[in-house]
Amino acid sequence: MKKNNLRSEFLKTMTQLATAGFGLVAALAWNEAIKDFIDHFIKAGSGFISKLIYAIIVTLLAVLVTYFLGKSTQEAKEEEEK
């Protein structure tokens, strides 16, 4: 029984690490995509403006994703309780 518990915890931890790793890779990919998108539409030499726009876009995306994930999680919990 102790061996199964250890295996279960190991798999749970490895799943969390893999998910975090893929999340980091996805975040870095989005980082580059957003930077390239902004650079494409903002003329060269306006570094501060493009960085400001980038920060605003990333912040808005983070807020939206967090909001919708939180809402989905709450709905799932409420559904589970029924």
C-alpha atoms as a PDB file:
ATOM      1  CA  MET A   1       0.000   0.000   0.000  1.00  0.00           C
ATOM      2  CA  LYS A   2       2.852   2.380   0.779  1.00  0.00           C
ATOM      3  CA  LYS A   3       4.446   1.577  -2.591  1.00  0.00           C
ATOM      4  CA  ASN A   4       1.232   2.483  -4.460  1.00  0.00           C
ATOM      5  CA  ASN A   5       0.990   5.762  -2.551  1.00  0.00           C
ATOM      6  CA  LEU A   6       4.575   6.651  -3.470  1.00  0.00           C
ATOM      7  CA  ARG A   7       3.919   5.816  -7.136  1.00  0.00           C
ATOM      8  CA  SER A   8       0.743   7.894  -7.123  1.00  0.00           C
ATOM      9  CA  GLU A   9       2.511  10.905  -5.581  1.00  0.00           C
ATOM     10  CA  PHE A  10       5.398  10.521  -8.021  1.00  0.00           C
ATOM     11  CA  LEU A  11       3.045  10.497 -11.016  1.00  0.00           C
ATOM     12  CA  LYS A  12       1.087  13.443  -9.633  1.00  0.00           C
ATOM     13  CA  THR A  13       4.280  15.467  -9.166  1.00  0.00           C
ATOM     14  CA  MET A  14       5.617  14.549 -12.612  1.00  0.00           C
ATOM     15  CA  THR A  15       2.300  15.565 -14.183  1.00  0.00           C
ATOM     16  CA  GLN A  16       2.432  18.923 -12.414  1.00  0.00           C
ATOM     17  CA  LEU A  17       6.036  19.485 -13.513  1.00  0.00           C
ATOM     18  CA  ALA A  18       5.275  18.557 -17.123  1.00  0.00           C
ATOM     19  CA  THR A  19       2.219  20.823 -17.157  1.00  0.00           C
ATOM     20  CA  ALA A  20       4.243  23.713 -15.721  1.00  0.00           C
ATOM     21  CA  GLY A  21       7.002  23.101 -18.275  1.00  0.00           C
ATOM     22  CA  PHE A  22       4.595  23.116 -21.215  1.00  0.00           C
ATOM     23  CA  GLY A  23       2.913  26.195 -19.758  1.00  0.00           C
ATOM     24  CA  LEU A  24       6.262  27.985 -19.707  1.00  0.00           C
ATOM     25  CA  VAL A  25       6.990  27.004 -23.305  1.00  0.00           C
ATOM     26  CA  ALA A  26       3.543  28.206 -24.387  1.00  0.00           C
ATOM     27  CA  ALA A  27       4.041  31.493 -22.519  1.00  0.00           C
ATOM     28  CA  LEU A  28       7.388  32.049 -24.224  1.00  0.00           C
ATOM     29  CA  ALA A  29       5.834  31.310 -27.625  1.00  0.00           C
ATOM     30  CA  TRP A  30       3.037  33.809 -26.973  1.00  0.00           C
ATOM     31  CA  ASN A  31       5.625  36.294 -25.770  1.00  0.00           C
ATOM     32  CA  GLU A  32       7.442  36.147 -29.098  1.00  0.00           C
ATOM     33  CA  ALA A  33       4.222  36.175 -31.122  1.00  0.00           C
ATOM     34  CA  ILE A  34       2.894  39.270 -29.366  1.00  0.00           C
ATOM     35  CA  LYS A  35       6.248  41.063 -29.704  1.00  0.00           C
ATOM     36  CA  ASP A  36       6.405  40.282 -33.430  1.00  0.00           C
ATOM     37  CA  PHE A  37       2.795  41.386 -33.906  1.00  0.00           C
ATOM     38  CA  ILE A  38       3.476  44.727 -32.220  1.00  0.00           C
ATOM     39  CA  ASP A  39       6.753  45.234 -34.093  1.00  0.00           C
ATOM     40  CA  HIS A  40       4.920  44.603 -37.349  1.00  0.00           C
ATOM     41  CA  PHE A  41       2.414  47.410 -36.741  1.00  0.00           C
ATOM     42  CA  ILE A  42       4.506  49.936 -34.778  1.00  0.00           C
ATOM     43  CA  LYS A  43       7.219  51.800 -36.681  1.00  0.00           C
ATOM     44  CA  ALA A  44      10.847  51.211 -35.788  1.00  0.00           C
ATOM     45  CA  GLY A  45      12.360  53.530 -33.203  1.00  0.00           C
ATOM     46  CA  SER A  46       9.347  53.714 -30.902  1.00  0.00           C
ATOM     47  CA  GLY A  47      10.660  51.233 -28.349  1.00  0.00           C
ATOM     48  CA  PHE A  48       8.866  52.655 -25.335  1.00  0.00           C
ATOM     49  CA  ILE A  49       5.491  52.744 -27.079  1.00  0.00           C
ATOM     50  CA  SER A  50       5.818  49.173 -28.345  1.00  0.00           C
ATOM     51  CA  LYS A  51       6.859  47.957 -24.877  1.00  0.00           C
ATOM     52  CA  LEU A  52       3.918  49.773 -23.317  1.00  0.00           C
ATOM     53  CA  ILE A  53       1.490  48.245 -25.812  1.00  0.00           C
ATOM     54  CA  TYR A  54       3.059  44.833 -25.215  1.00  0.00           C
ATOM     55  CA  ALA A  55       2.643  45.189 -21.430  1.00  0.00           C
ATOM     56  CA  ILE A  56      -0.995  46.224 -21.829  1.00  0.00           C
ATOM     57  CA  ILE A  57      -1.790  43.319 -24.168  1.00  0.00           C
ATOM     58  CA  VAL A  58      -0.103  40.762 -21.902  1.00  0.00           C
ATOM     59  CA  THR A  59      -1.877  42.158 -18.841  1.00  0.00           C
ATOM     60  CA  LEU A  60      -5.267  42.040 -20.569  1.00  0.00           C
ATOM     61  CA  LEU A  61      -4.659  38.468 -21.729  1.00  0.00           C
ATOM     62  CA  ALA A  62      -3.589  37.404 -18.226  1.00  0.00           C
ATOM     63  CA  VAL A  63      -6.672  38.985 -16.652  1.00  0.00           C
ATOM     64  CA  LEU A  64      -9.043  37.460 -19.220  1.00  0.00           C
ATOM     65  CA  VAL A  65      -7.552  33.969 -18.991  1.00  0.00           C
ATOM     66  CA  THR A  66      -7.510  34.084 -15.186  1.00  0.00           C
ATOM     67  CA  TYR A  67     -11.102  35.321 -15.078  1.00  0.00           C
ATOM     68  CA  PHE A  68     -12.454  32.647 -17.423  1.00  0.00           C
ATOM     69  CA  LEU A  69     -10.485  29.845 -15.761  1.00  0.00           C
ATOM     70  CA  GLY A  70     -11.732  30.952 -12.351  1.00  0.00           C
ATOM     71  CA  LYS A  71     -15.299  31.138 -13.625  1.00  0.00           C
ATOM     72  CA  SER A  72     -15.026  27.673 -15.199  1.00  0.00           C
ATOM     73  CA  THR A  73     -13.548  26.254 -12.011  1.00  0.00           C
ATOM     74  CA  GLN A  74     -16.360  27.745  -9.924  1.00  0.00           C
ATOM     75  CA  GLU A  75     -19.010  26.365 -12.295  1.00  0.00           C
ATOM     76  CA  ALA A  76     -17.396  22.925 -12.155  1.00  0.00           C
ATOM     77  CA  LYS A  77     -17.362  22.997  -8.347  1.00  0.00           C
ATOM     78  CA  GLU A  78     -21.021  24.038  -8.228  1.00  0.00           C
ATOM     79  CA  GLU A  79     -21.929  21.275 -10.691  1.00  0.00           C
ATOM     80  CA  GLU A  80     -19.985  18.755  -8.628  1.00  0.00           C
ATOM     81  CA  GLU A  81     -21.835  19.751  -5.459  1.00  0.00           C
ATOM     82  CA  LYS A  82     -25.254  19.106  -7.063  1.00  0.00           C
END
